[in-house]
Protein backbone atom coordinates (compact mmCIF):
# COMPACT_ATOMS: atom_id res chain seq x y z
CA MET A 1 117.37 94.10 81.88
CA TYR A 2 114.28 91.90 82.13
CA GLN A 3 114.83 91.57 85.87
CA VAL A 4 115.16 95.35 86.20
CA LEU A 5 111.89 96.04 84.36
CA SER A 6 109.87 93.24 85.89
CA GLY A 7 108.88 95.38 88.87
CA VAL A 8 108.07 98.57 86.96
CA TRP A 9 106.54 97.35 83.68
CA ALA A 10 103.03 98.47 84.65
CA LEU A 11 104.25 101.98 85.44
CA LEU A 12 106.09 102.20 82.12
CA ILE A 13 103.06 101.00 80.15
CA GLY A 14 100.89 103.53 81.97
CA ILE A 15 103.37 106.32 81.25
CA ILE A 16 103.39 105.47 77.53
CA PHE A 17 99.58 105.75 77.42
CA ILE A 18 99.66 109.03 79.35
CA MET A 19 102.25 110.46 76.97
CA LEU A 20 100.20 109.30 73.97
CA GLY A 21 97.27 111.34 75.27
CA ASN A 22 99.31 114.33 76.38
CA GLY A 23 101.39 114.32 73.20
CA MET A 24 98.25 114.31 71.07
CA HIS A 25 96.81 117.26 72.97
CA PHE A 26 99.99 119.35 72.57
CA THR A 27 99.89 119.12 68.78
CA LEU A 28 96.10 119.30 68.62
CA ILE A 29 96.17 122.73 70.26
CA GLY A 30 98.16 124.12 67.34
CA LEU A 31 96.10 122.30 64.70
CA ARG A 32 92.67 123.15 66.07
CA GLY A 33 93.77 126.67 67.07
CA GLY A 34 94.69 127.34 63.45
CA ILE A 35 91.32 126.03 62.28
CA GLU A 36 89.53 128.27 64.78
CA GLY A 37 91.54 131.31 63.64
CA PHE A 38 93.53 131.86 66.85
CA SER A 39 96.53 134.14 66.39
CA ALA A 40 100.09 133.05 67.21
CA ALA A 41 100.08 135.38 70.23
CA GLU A 42 96.86 133.85 71.56
CA LEU A 43 98.17 130.32 71.14
CA ALA A 44 101.42 131.37 72.83
CA ILE A 45 99.43 132.37 75.93
CA VAL A 46 97.59 129.05 75.80
CA THR A 47 100.93 127.23 75.56
CA SER A 48 102.46 129.15 78.47
CA GLY A 49 99.40 128.26 80.56
CA TYR A 50 100.43 124.60 80.46
CA PHE A 51 103.91 125.28 81.80
CA MET A 52 102.57 127.61 84.46
CA GLY A 53 100.25 124.83 85.63
CA PHE A 54 103.10 122.31 85.39
CA LEU A 55 105.33 124.41 87.63
CA SER A 56 102.53 124.86 90.18
CA GLY A 57 101.78 121.14 90.22
CA ALA A 58 105.42 120.25 90.89
CA ASN A 59 105.33 122.41 94.03
CA LEU A 60 101.88 121.50 95.36
CA THR A 61 101.52 117.79 94.58
CA PRO A 62 103.93 116.56 97.29
CA ARG A 63 101.77 118.34 99.89
CA LEU A 64 98.63 116.70 98.53
CA ILE A 65 100.31 113.29 98.61
CA ARG A 66 101.31 113.78 102.24
CA ARG A 67 97.69 114.56 103.11
CA VAL A 68 95.74 111.89 101.23
CA GLY A 69 98.25 109.45 99.71
CA HIS A 70 99.60 108.53 96.29
CA VAL A 71 96.62 106.56 94.98
CA ARG A 72 93.98 109.21 95.69
CA VAL A 73 96.09 112.02 94.27
CA PHE A 74 96.95 110.00 91.18
CA ALA A 75 93.34 109.02 90.52
CA ALA A 76 91.98 112.52 91.16
CA LEU A 77 94.51 114.27 88.93
CA GLY A 78 93.98 111.68 86.21
CA SER A 79 90.22 112.27 86.29
CA PHE A 80 90.62 116.04 86.08
CA MET A 81 93.12 115.75 83.24
CA SER A 82 90.88 113.41 81.26
CA ALA A 83 87.95 115.81 81.72
CA GLY A 84 90.11 118.77 80.71
CA LEU A 85 91.22 117.12 77.49
CA ILE A 86 87.69 116.33 76.42
CA ALA A 87 86.52 119.88 77.22
CA PHE A 88 88.75 121.65 74.68
CA PRO A 89 86.39 121.33 71.68
CA LEU A 90 83.39 122.38 73.82
CA VAL A 91 84.54 125.98 74.32
CA THR A 92 86.86 127.10 71.54
CA GLU A 93 87.95 130.42 73.03
CA PRO A 94 91.56 131.40 73.89
CA TRP A 95 90.69 132.30 77.50
CA ALA A 96 88.93 128.96 78.04
CA TRP A 97 91.81 127.02 76.49
CA THR A 98 94.31 128.87 78.70
CA ILE A 99 92.37 127.81 81.81
CA LEU A 100 92.14 124.23 80.56
CA ARG A 101 95.85 124.18 79.78
CA LEU A 102 96.60 125.40 83.31
CA LEU A 103 94.50 122.51 84.60
CA VAL A 104 96.10 119.92 82.31
CA GLY A 105 99.62 121.17 83.11
CA PHE A 106 98.93 121.03 86.85
CA CYS A 107 97.51 117.52 86.61
CA MET A 108 100.30 116.28 84.35
CA SER A 109 102.97 117.54 86.73
CA GLY A 110 101.21 115.89 89.68
CA ILE A 111 100.94 112.63 87.76
CA TYR A 112 104.68 112.74 87.07
CA VAL A 113 105.50 113.41 90.73
CA THR A 114 103.33 110.49 91.86
CA ALA A 115 104.48 108.02 89.20
CA GLU A 116 108.14 108.94 89.63
CA SER A 117 107.85 108.49 93.40
CA TRP A 118 106.61 104.93 92.80
CA LEU A 119 109.30 104.36 90.19
CA ASN A 120 112.10 105.65 92.40
CA ASP A 121 110.95 103.54 95.33
CA ALA A 122 110.80 100.42 93.16
CA ALA A 123 114.42 100.89 92.05
CA THR A 124 117.53 99.93 93.98
CA ASN A 125 120.88 101.72 93.95
CA GLU A 126 122.08 99.20 91.38
CA THR A 127 119.06 99.46 89.07
CA ARG A 128 118.09 103.13 89.44
CA GLY A 129 120.04 104.32 86.40
CA LYS A 130 118.51 101.67 84.10
CA VAL A 131 115.00 102.21 85.48
CA LEU A 132 115.17 105.98 85.00
CA SER A 133 116.57 105.53 81.48
CA ALA A 134 113.70 103.18 80.60
CA TYR A 135 111.25 105.72 82.01
CA MET A 136 112.69 108.55 79.90
CA ILE A 137 112.60 106.37 76.77
CA ALA A 138 108.96 105.45 77.48
CA GLN A 139 108.06 109.14 77.74
CA THR A 140 109.73 110.01 74.44
CA LEU A 141 108.25 107.02 72.59
CA GLY A 142 104.80 108.00 73.85
CA ILE A 143 105.14 111.53 72.48
CA ILE A 144 106.40 110.28 69.12
CA GLY A 145 103.63 107.66 68.89
CA ALA A 146 101.03 110.32 69.65
CA GLN A 147 101.89 112.13 66.44
CA GLY A 148 101.11 108.98 64.46
CA LEU A 149 97.69 108.73 66.12
CA LEU A 150 96.91 112.30 65.03
CA THR A 151 96.97 111.21 61.39
CA LEU A 152 93.99 108.89 62.00
CA GLY A 153 91.42 111.66 62.58
CA ASP A 154 90.36 115.20 61.79
CA ALA A 155 91.45 117.99 64.14
CA ALA A 156 88.32 119.95 63.21
CA SER A 157 86.15 117.38 64.99
CA SER A 158 86.09 116.29 68.63
CA ALA A 159 87.24 112.74 67.90
CA LEU A 160 90.97 113.27 68.50
CA PHE A 161 90.37 115.13 71.78
CA ILE A 162 88.13 112.27 72.90
CA CYS A 163 90.82 109.78 71.89
CA ALA A 164 93.43 111.67 73.97
CA SER A 165 91.07 111.64 76.95
CA ILE A 166 90.45 107.90 76.58
CA LEU A 167 94.18 107.15 76.42
CA VAL A 168 94.83 109.09 79.61
CA SER A 169 91.92 107.37 81.38
CA VAL A 170 93.06 103.90 80.29
CA SER A 171 96.64 104.60 81.39
CA PHE A 172 95.73 104.55 85.08
CA ALA A 173 94.46 100.95 85.04
CA PRO A 174 97.84 99.16 84.87
CA ILE A 175 99.35 101.58 87.38
CA LEU A 176 96.61 101.64 90.02
CA LEU A 177 95.97 97.90 89.81
CA SER A 178 99.60 96.91 90.26
CA VAL A 179 101.48 99.32 92.54
CA THR A 180 101.36 99.50 96.33
CA PRO A 181 100.81 102.86 98.06
CA LEU A 182 104.06 104.37 99.28
CA PRO A 183 105.02 106.87 101.96
CA ALA A 184 104.42 110.50 101.02
CA ALA A 185 106.68 111.96 98.36
CA GLU A 186 109.48 114.13 99.68
CA VAL A 187 110.84 116.83 97.40
CA THR A 188 113.70 118.95 98.69
CA ARG A 189 113.10 122.68 98.94
CA PRO A 190 114.64 124.34 95.84
CA MET A 191 117.94 126.14 96.26
CA PRO A 192 117.58 129.95 96.11
CA LEU A 193 118.37 131.37 92.68
CA ARG A 194 121.27 133.46 93.99
CA SER A 195 122.96 130.43 95.58
CA LEU A 196 122.31 128.35 92.47
CA PHE A 197 123.82 131.00 90.22
CA ARG A 198 126.82 131.37 92.51
CA GLY A 199 127.43 127.63 92.39
CA SER A 200 126.92 127.24 88.63
CA PRO A 201 126.30 130.36 86.53
CA LEU A 202 126.30 128.41 83.25
CA GLY A 203 123.93 125.75 84.58
CA THR A 204 121.49 128.40 85.83
CA VAL A 205 121.49 130.68 82.79
CA GLY A 206 121.68 127.79 80.34
CA ILE A 207 118.74 125.86 81.73
CA PHE A 208 116.62 129.04 81.82
CA LEU A 209 117.29 129.62 78.11
CA LEU A 210 116.73 125.94 77.38
CA GLY A 211 113.32 126.13 79.06
CA SER A 212 112.39 128.75 76.49
CA VAL A 213 113.68 126.51 73.68
CA TYR A 214 111.86 123.38 74.81
CA ALA A 215 108.50 125.07 75.44
CA THR A 216 108.67 126.89 72.10
CA GLN A 217 109.47 123.67 70.24
CA SER A 218 106.83 121.51 71.90
CA GLY A 219 104.13 124.15 72.25
CA MET A 220 104.56 126.35 69.18
CA GLY A 221 105.88 123.80 66.67
CA ALA A 222 102.39 122.82 65.54
CA VAL A 223 101.37 126.50 65.47
CA PHE A 224 104.31 127.24 63.17
CA GLY A 225 103.41 124.33 60.89
CA SER A 226 99.80 125.41 60.72
CA GLN A 227 100.68 129.00 59.86
CA ILE A 228 103.02 128.10 56.99
CA GLY A 229 100.40 125.84 55.46
CA LEU A 230 101.65 122.34 56.29
CA SER A 231 99.06 119.58 56.22
CA ALA A 232 98.00 117.88 59.46
CA ASP A 233 100.09 114.82 58.58
CA GLN A 234 103.15 116.97 57.87
CA ILE A 235 102.71 118.85 61.16
CA ALA A 236 102.48 115.56 63.04
CA LEU A 237 105.66 114.36 61.31
CA PHE A 238 107.40 117.65 62.10
CA VAL A 239 106.61 117.41 65.83
CA ALA A 240 107.53 113.70 65.90
CA THR A 241 110.88 114.52 64.28
CA LEU A 242 111.64 117.05 67.04
CA PHE A 243 111.43 114.27 69.63
CA ALA A 244 112.92 111.54 67.44
CA GLY A 245 116.10 113.59 67.22
CA ALA A 246 116.32 113.61 71.01
CA LEU A 247 115.93 109.84 71.14
CA VAL A 248 118.76 109.32 68.63
CA LEU A 249 121.26 111.93 69.91
CA GLN A 250 120.80 111.36 73.65
CA TYR A 251 123.25 108.46 73.87
CA PRO A 252 126.17 109.85 71.82
CA ILE A 253 125.99 113.23 73.59
CA GLY A 254 125.71 111.46 76.93
CA TRP A 255 128.78 109.35 76.13
CA LEU A 256 130.77 112.41 75.11
CA SER A 257 129.76 114.25 78.28
CA ASP A 258 131.68 111.73 80.40
CA GLN A 259 134.79 112.04 78.18
CA MET A 260 135.40 115.80 77.81
CA ASP A 261 134.90 119.27 79.26
CA ARG A 262 131.12 119.58 79.43
CA ARG A 263 131.24 123.30 78.65
CA LYS A 264 132.80 122.52 75.27
CA LEU A 265 130.09 119.94 74.62
CA ILE A 266 127.40 122.44 75.65
CA PHE A 267 128.92 124.95 73.23
CA GLY A 268 129.03 122.38 70.44
CA ALA A 269 125.45 121.18 70.98
CA ALA A 270 124.11 124.74 71.18
CA THR A 271 126.01 125.70 68.03
CA LEU A 272 124.54 122.68 66.23
CA GLY A 273 121.09 123.73 67.43
CA ALA A 274 121.63 127.29 66.17
CA GLY A 275 122.80 125.97 62.80
CA ALA A 276 119.72 123.77 62.56
CA CYS A 277 117.50 126.78 63.25
CA ALA A 278 119.29 128.70 60.48
CA LEU A 279 118.49 125.79 58.14
CA GLY A 280 114.82 125.93 59.15
CA TRP A 281 114.70 129.71 58.72
CA LEU A 282 116.44 129.77 55.35
CA GLY A 283 114.72 126.64 54.01
CA GLU A 284 111.67 128.70 52.97
CA GLY A 285 109.23 126.03 54.12
CA GLY A 286 110.71 123.15 52.14
CA ILE A 287 109.62 119.95 53.85
CA TRP A 288 113.06 118.30 53.98
CA PRO A 289 114.97 121.34 55.32
CA LEU A 290 112.22 121.63 57.96
CA MET A 291 112.53 117.99 58.98
CA GLY A 292 116.32 118.20 59.09
CA ALA A 293 116.14 121.33 61.21
CA ALA A 294 113.58 119.73 63.52
CA PHE A 295 115.68 116.57 63.96
CA LEU A 296 118.84 118.46 64.90
CA ALA A 297 117.29 121.29 66.92
CA GLY A 298 115.04 118.93 68.83
CA GLY A 299 117.83 116.38 69.01
CA VAL A 300 120.18 118.61 71.04
CA THR A 301 117.53 120.14 73.31
CA THR A 302 116.85 117.13 75.56
CA PRO A 303 120.53 116.13 75.90
CA LEU A 304 121.38 119.75 76.78
CA TYR A 305 118.89 119.55 79.66
CA ALA A 306 120.67 116.53 81.10
CA LEU A 307 124.04 118.16 80.39
CA PHE A 308 123.15 121.25 82.41
CA LEU A 309 121.99 119.09 85.30
CA ALA A 310 125.18 117.05 85.23
CA TYR A 311 127.41 120.12 84.82
CA THR A 312 125.75 121.87 87.76
CA ASN A 313 126.23 118.81 89.94
CA ASP A 314 129.94 118.86 89.08
CA SER A 315 130.25 122.15 90.97
CA LEU A 316 128.34 121.06 94.08
CA SER A 317 128.73 118.77 97.03
CA ALA A 318 126.53 115.68 97.20
CA GLU A 319 124.34 117.15 99.95
CA ASP A 320 123.56 120.26 97.85
CA MET A 321 122.53 118.33 94.72
CA PRO A 322 118.86 117.68 95.63
CA ALA A 323 118.20 121.36 96.42
CA ALA A 324 120.06 122.42 93.28
CA SER A 325 117.94 120.01 91.20
CA GLY A 326 114.77 121.66 92.50
CA GLY A 327 116.19 125.09 91.73
CA LEU A 328 117.07 124.08 88.19
CA VAL A 329 113.59 122.64 87.59
CA LEU A 330 112.09 125.93 88.81
CA THR A 331 114.44 127.98 86.62
CA PHE A 332 113.66 125.81 83.60
CA GLY A 333 109.93 126.26 84.28
CA VAL A 334 110.17 130.05 84.33
CA GLY A 335 111.97 129.96 81.00
CA ALA A 336 109.31 127.60 79.63
CA ILE A 337 106.56 130.06 80.60
CA LEU A 338 108.26 133.06 78.99
CA GLY A 339 109.62 131.39 75.84
CA PRO A 340 106.33 130.76 73.99
CA LEU A 341 105.07 134.26 74.87
CA ILE A 342 108.11 135.86 73.23
CA ALA A 343 108.02 133.48 70.26
CA GLY A 344 104.28 134.05 69.74
CA TRP A 345 104.75 137.82 69.83
CA ALA A 346 107.60 137.57 67.29
CA MET A 347 105.60 135.29 64.99
CA GLU A 348 102.70 137.73 65.16
CA ARG A 349 104.80 140.84 64.48
CA LEU A 350 107.21 139.38 61.92
CA ASP A 351 106.15 136.12 60.27
CA PRO A 352 105.80 132.46 61.27
CA PHE A 353 109.47 131.80 60.55
CA ALA A 354 110.32 133.91 63.60
CA PHE A 355 109.75 130.55 65.32
CA TRP A 356 113.24 129.54 64.12
CA LEU A 357 114.64 132.98 64.81
CA MET A 358 113.69 132.81 68.49
CA LEU A 359 114.95 129.25 68.90
CA GLY A 360 118.23 130.14 67.19
CA ALA A 361 118.70 133.25 69.34
CA ASN A 362 118.40 131.16 72.51
CA PHE A 363 120.84 128.55 71.23
CA CYS A 364 123.29 131.32 70.31
CA LEU A 365 123.02 132.85 73.78
CA ILE A 366 123.75 129.44 75.34
CA ALA A 367 126.79 128.98 73.08
CA VAL A 368 128.19 132.46 73.72
CA TYR A 369 127.69 132.25 77.48
CA SER A 370 129.35 128.82 77.63
CA LEU A 371 132.37 130.30 75.82
CA TYR A 372 132.48 133.16 78.31
CA ARG A 373 132.32 130.79 81.29
CA MET A 374 135.30 128.85 79.91
CA THR A 375 137.37 132.00 80.49
CA GLN A 376 136.13 132.42 84.08
CA ARG A 377 136.60 129.00 85.65
CA ALA A 378 139.03 126.13 85.16
CA SER A 379 137.61 122.96 83.65
CA VAL A 380 136.79 119.95 85.83
CA PRO A 381 138.72 116.83 84.74
CA ALA A 382 136.42 114.27 83.14
CA SER A 383 137.46 111.73 85.77
CA ASP A 384 136.08 114.01 88.52
CA THR A 385 132.70 114.75 86.97
CA GLU A 386 129.37 113.28 88.00
CA SER A 387 127.90 110.56 85.77
CA TYR A 388 125.50 111.64 83.03
CA LEU A 389 121.92 110.32 83.01
CA GLY A 390 119.54 111.24 80.19
CA VAL A 391 116.82 113.10 82.10
CA VAL A 392 114.12 114.59 79.84
CA PRO A 393 112.74 118.12 80.34
CA THR A 394 109.26 116.75 81.18
CA ALA A 395 110.57 115.05 84.34
CA SER A 396 109.40 116.33 87.72
CA PRO A 397 111.75 117.26 90.60
CA VAL A 398 111.36 113.68 91.91
CA ALA A 399 113.07 112.14 88.86
CA VAL A 400 115.63 114.94 88.64
CA GLU A 401 116.60 114.44 92.29
CA ALA A 402 116.73 110.68 91.80
CA ALA A 403 119.03 111.13 88.80
CA GLY A 404 121.28 113.42 90.85
CA ALA A 405 121.42 110.88 93.67
CA TRP A 406 122.31 108.15 91.17
CA ALA A 407 125.07 110.30 89.67
CA ALA A 408 126.52 110.95 93.14
CA GLU A 409 126.41 107.24 93.97
CA GLN A 410 128.18 106.39 90.72
CA ALA A 411 130.86 109.00 91.39
CA GLU A 412 131.46 107.62 94.89
CA ALA A 413 131.57 104.04 93.64
CA GLU A 414 134.15 104.69 90.88
CA PRO A 415 137.11 105.44 93.19
CA GLN A 416 136.29 102.33 95.25
CA THR A 417 136.20 100.25 92.09
């Protein structure tokens, strides 16, 4: 493993610092928004702005890289993101925050595309799976660590926003001082939605609903905590628990996905997520029911993302996988834009616990639709399925395509072995 990481350690360290800054800013929006008196609906629009910018960045960054190169794009987007983070406490208005979130989301997506292009190029066919797994773990650890940093300051001041900006700025040093510029990033044109749905209805519908789940958890979790009266430390712990669950459950769900019908596993994971949301909804704000619900609901969300990618690839030929990966990322992004808007509206009209109601409804829809699809198509034997790789929802199309290529290579190598 040491030999595998020796060529990408600087990238991984940089990614951890970036995720520390970005993870802080995600939770800070909910904390500071509550202090400023923003409504749940206003903060939902701010949250959706990030995912709208993220989706735009995934499409436009490869063109920028082809024009001016990896290093210039990476440095420019990093500078804009750092400036955006530090600007949040300067203009505490929902419209200004929405614009800043668009900017940060665009920059963050572009940073992912650039870093993942370097990472993918540094890996070989033999090491790609381990390198991508290390990258996904670094992302998750960065987000969890960010919640711990939030307990060191006061969200009412500018200090934490400045800290997030500093972390992002510092993250570029190990990356830019150690990697060599590469050829322009190439991202395959996404498969049209109709073709994607025809190839894998469950993968398409499921990943759209999961986009809503993930964006609501990561963007509205702190808003929910603020509105039910949790302290800043408790909110940070709540958000950290959402991602800690994903870190713990990723491996066992991934192992099971290579042993059984993936539709049954999707049904089981979605049912567990729905049950966790019921626990959060009925727990009446008790801290331990909330943490248990967060661990389980957050714990199945990230593995479900990788499951849908792997399940969709099972239905496609190897040459269609890159285009399908782009289509799934796009579909997930649309769901991520809409999810917080619906959750924010529900929390405004009903009460803050509608946060769990909306998450649970999406999990239930995934479970019911997976049951329906079991009656429409025969199962693929586990021996004929593509290999599972734990891709996280924050990955850009570059990493998703790389994971698909790795899965195809593994599937081709198994019969030869």
